[in-house]
Amino acid sequence: MKTKQIVEALLFASDAPLTAADIARADESLDEDMVEAAIQELRVEYDRTERAVQIFEIAGGYQLLTRPE
């Protein structure tokens, strides 16, 4: 599975913010730098395609939430 897909799935499934370390622990092929890069790519993709969700940085972690508007 690709890094972005793993990150997106974990953020979608979680009801609490996840740190890059939390996400990296979910798959032994990931490290925190890879997770951070995937999050940045997903943020750009979500903005470019005007998705209803975006990734927020909250409480030292990341969470997938609906856009305020």
C-alpha atoms as a PDB file:
ATOM      1  CA  MET A   1       0.000   0.000   0.000  1.00  0.00           C
ATOM      2  CA  LYS A   2       1.239   3.485  -0.765  1.00  0.00           C
ATOM      3  CA  THR A   3       2.246   5.873   1.997  1.00  0.00           C
ATOM      4  CA  LYS A   4      -0.474   8.444   1.232  1.00  0.00           C
ATOM      5  CA  GLN A   5      -3.143   5.750   1.300  1.00  0.00           C
ATOM      6  CA  ILE A   6      -1.957   4.441   4.661  1.00  0.00           C
ATOM      7  CA  VAL A   7      -1.823   7.928   6.168  1.00  0.00           C
ATOM      8  CA  GLU A   8      -5.229   8.862   4.789  1.00  0.00           C
ATOM      9  CA  ALA A   9      -6.839   5.627   6.016  1.00  0.00           C
ATOM     10  CA  LEU A  10      -5.444   6.007   9.526  1.00  0.00           C
ATOM     11  CA  LEU A  11      -6.514   9.645   9.779  1.00  0.00           C
ATOM     12  CA  PHE A  12      -9.975   8.752   8.468  1.00  0.00           C
ATOM     13  CA  ALA A  13     -10.407   5.912  10.960  1.00  0.00           C
ATOM     14  CA  SER A  14      -9.180   7.814  14.009  1.00  0.00           C
ATOM     15  CA  ASP A  15     -11.455   9.905  16.200  1.00  0.00           C
ATOM     16  CA  ALA A  16      -8.449  11.598  17.828  1.00  0.00           C
ATOM     17  CA  PRO A  17      -5.404  13.424  16.450  1.00  0.00           C
ATOM     18  CA  LEU A  18      -2.487  11.168  15.465  1.00  0.00           C
ATOM     19  CA  THR A  19       1.158  12.191  15.540  1.00  0.00           C
ATOM     20  CA  ALA A  20       3.508  11.343  12.685  1.00  0.00           C
ATOM     21  CA  ALA A  21       5.105   8.804  15.030  1.00  0.00           C
ATOM     22  CA  ASP A  22       1.720   7.179  15.719  1.00  0.00           C
ATOM     23  CA  ILE A  23       1.096   6.820  12.008  1.00  0.00           C
ATOM     24  CA  ALA A  24       4.612   5.553  11.272  1.00  0.00           C
ATOM     25  CA  ARG A  25       4.204   2.794  13.873  1.00  0.00           C
ATOM     26  CA  ALA A  26       1.240   1.404  11.941  1.00  0.00           C
ATOM     27  CA  ASP A  27       3.463   0.122   9.113  1.00  0.00           C
ATOM     28  CA  GLU A  28       7.092  -0.892   9.439  1.00  0.00           C
ATOM     29  CA  SER A  29       7.930   0.563   6.013  1.00  0.00           C
ATOM     30  CA  LEU A  30       7.075   4.102   7.197  1.00  0.00           C
ATOM     31  CA  ASP A  31       9.094   6.674   9.089  1.00  0.00           C
ATOM     32  CA  GLU A  32       8.044  10.063  10.441  1.00  0.00           C
ATOM     33  CA  ASP A  33       9.567  11.993   7.517  1.00  0.00           C
ATOM     34  CA  MET A  34       7.592   9.895   5.035  1.00  0.00           C
ATOM     35  CA  VAL A  35       4.409  10.500   7.016  1.00  0.00           C
ATOM     36  CA  GLU A  36       4.996  14.267   7.171  1.00  0.00           C
ATOM     37  CA  ALA A  37       5.640  14.368   3.406  1.00  0.00           C
ATOM     38  CA  ALA A  38       2.473  12.369   2.718  1.00  0.00           C
ATOM     39  CA  ILE A  39       0.431  14.711   4.912  1.00  0.00           C
ATOM     40  CA  GLN A  40       1.724  17.729   2.997  1.00  0.00           C
ATOM     41  CA  GLU A  41       0.910  16.044  -0.338  1.00  0.00           C
ATOM     42  CA  LEU A  42      -2.589  15.166   0.857  1.00  0.00           C
ATOM     43  CA  ARG A  43      -3.179  18.736   2.031  1.00  0.00           C
ATOM     44  CA  VAL A  44      -2.232  20.075  -1.403  1.00  0.00           C
ATOM     45  CA  GLU A  45      -4.363  17.449  -3.138  1.00  0.00           C
ATOM     46  CA  TYR A  46      -7.385  18.179  -0.929  1.00  0.00           C
ATOM     47  CA  ASP A  47      -7.084  21.924  -1.593  1.00  0.00           C
ATOM     48  CA  ARG A  48      -6.534  21.500  -5.331  1.00  0.00           C
ATOM     49  CA  THR A  49      -9.540  19.215  -5.736  1.00  0.00           C
ATOM     50  CA  GLU A  50     -11.700  21.207  -3.313  1.00  0.00           C
ATOM     51  CA  ARG A  51     -12.482  18.210  -1.124  1.00  0.00           C
ATOM     52  CA  ALA A  52     -14.923  18.531   1.747  1.00  0.00           C
ATOM     53  CA  VAL A  53     -12.211  17.501   4.205  1.00  0.00           C
ATOM     54  CA  GLN A  54      -8.790  18.750   5.140  1.00  0.00           C
ATOM     55  CA  ILE A  55      -6.023  17.729   7.513  1.00  0.00           C
ATOM     56  CA  PHE A  56      -5.773  19.922  10.595  1.00  0.00           C
ATOM     57  CA  GLU A  57      -2.859  20.046  13.018  1.00  0.00           C
ATOM     58  CA  ILE A  58      -4.415  19.721  16.464  1.00  0.00           C
ATOM     59  CA  ALA A  59      -2.995  18.916  19.913  1.00  0.00           C
ATOM     60  CA  GLY A  60       0.406  17.952  18.525  1.00  0.00           C
ATOM     61  CA  GLY A  61      -1.071  15.590  15.946  1.00  0.00           C
ATOM     62  CA  TYR A  62      -3.070  15.496  12.751  1.00  0.00           C
ATOM     63  CA  GLN A  63      -6.768  14.938  12.232  1.00  0.00           C
ATOM     64  CA  LEU A  64      -8.960  14.666   9.161  1.00  0.00           C
ATOM     65  CA  LEU A  65     -11.945  16.994   9.566  1.00  0.00           C
ATOM     66  CA  THR A  66     -14.578  18.597   7.390  1.00  0.00           C
ATOM     67  CA  ARG A  67     -13.825  22.081   6.153  1.00  0.00           C
ATOM     68  CA  PRO A  68     -15.363  24.844   8.250  1.00  0.00           C
ATOM     69  CA  GLU A  69     -17.202  26.304   5.293  1.00  0.00           C
END
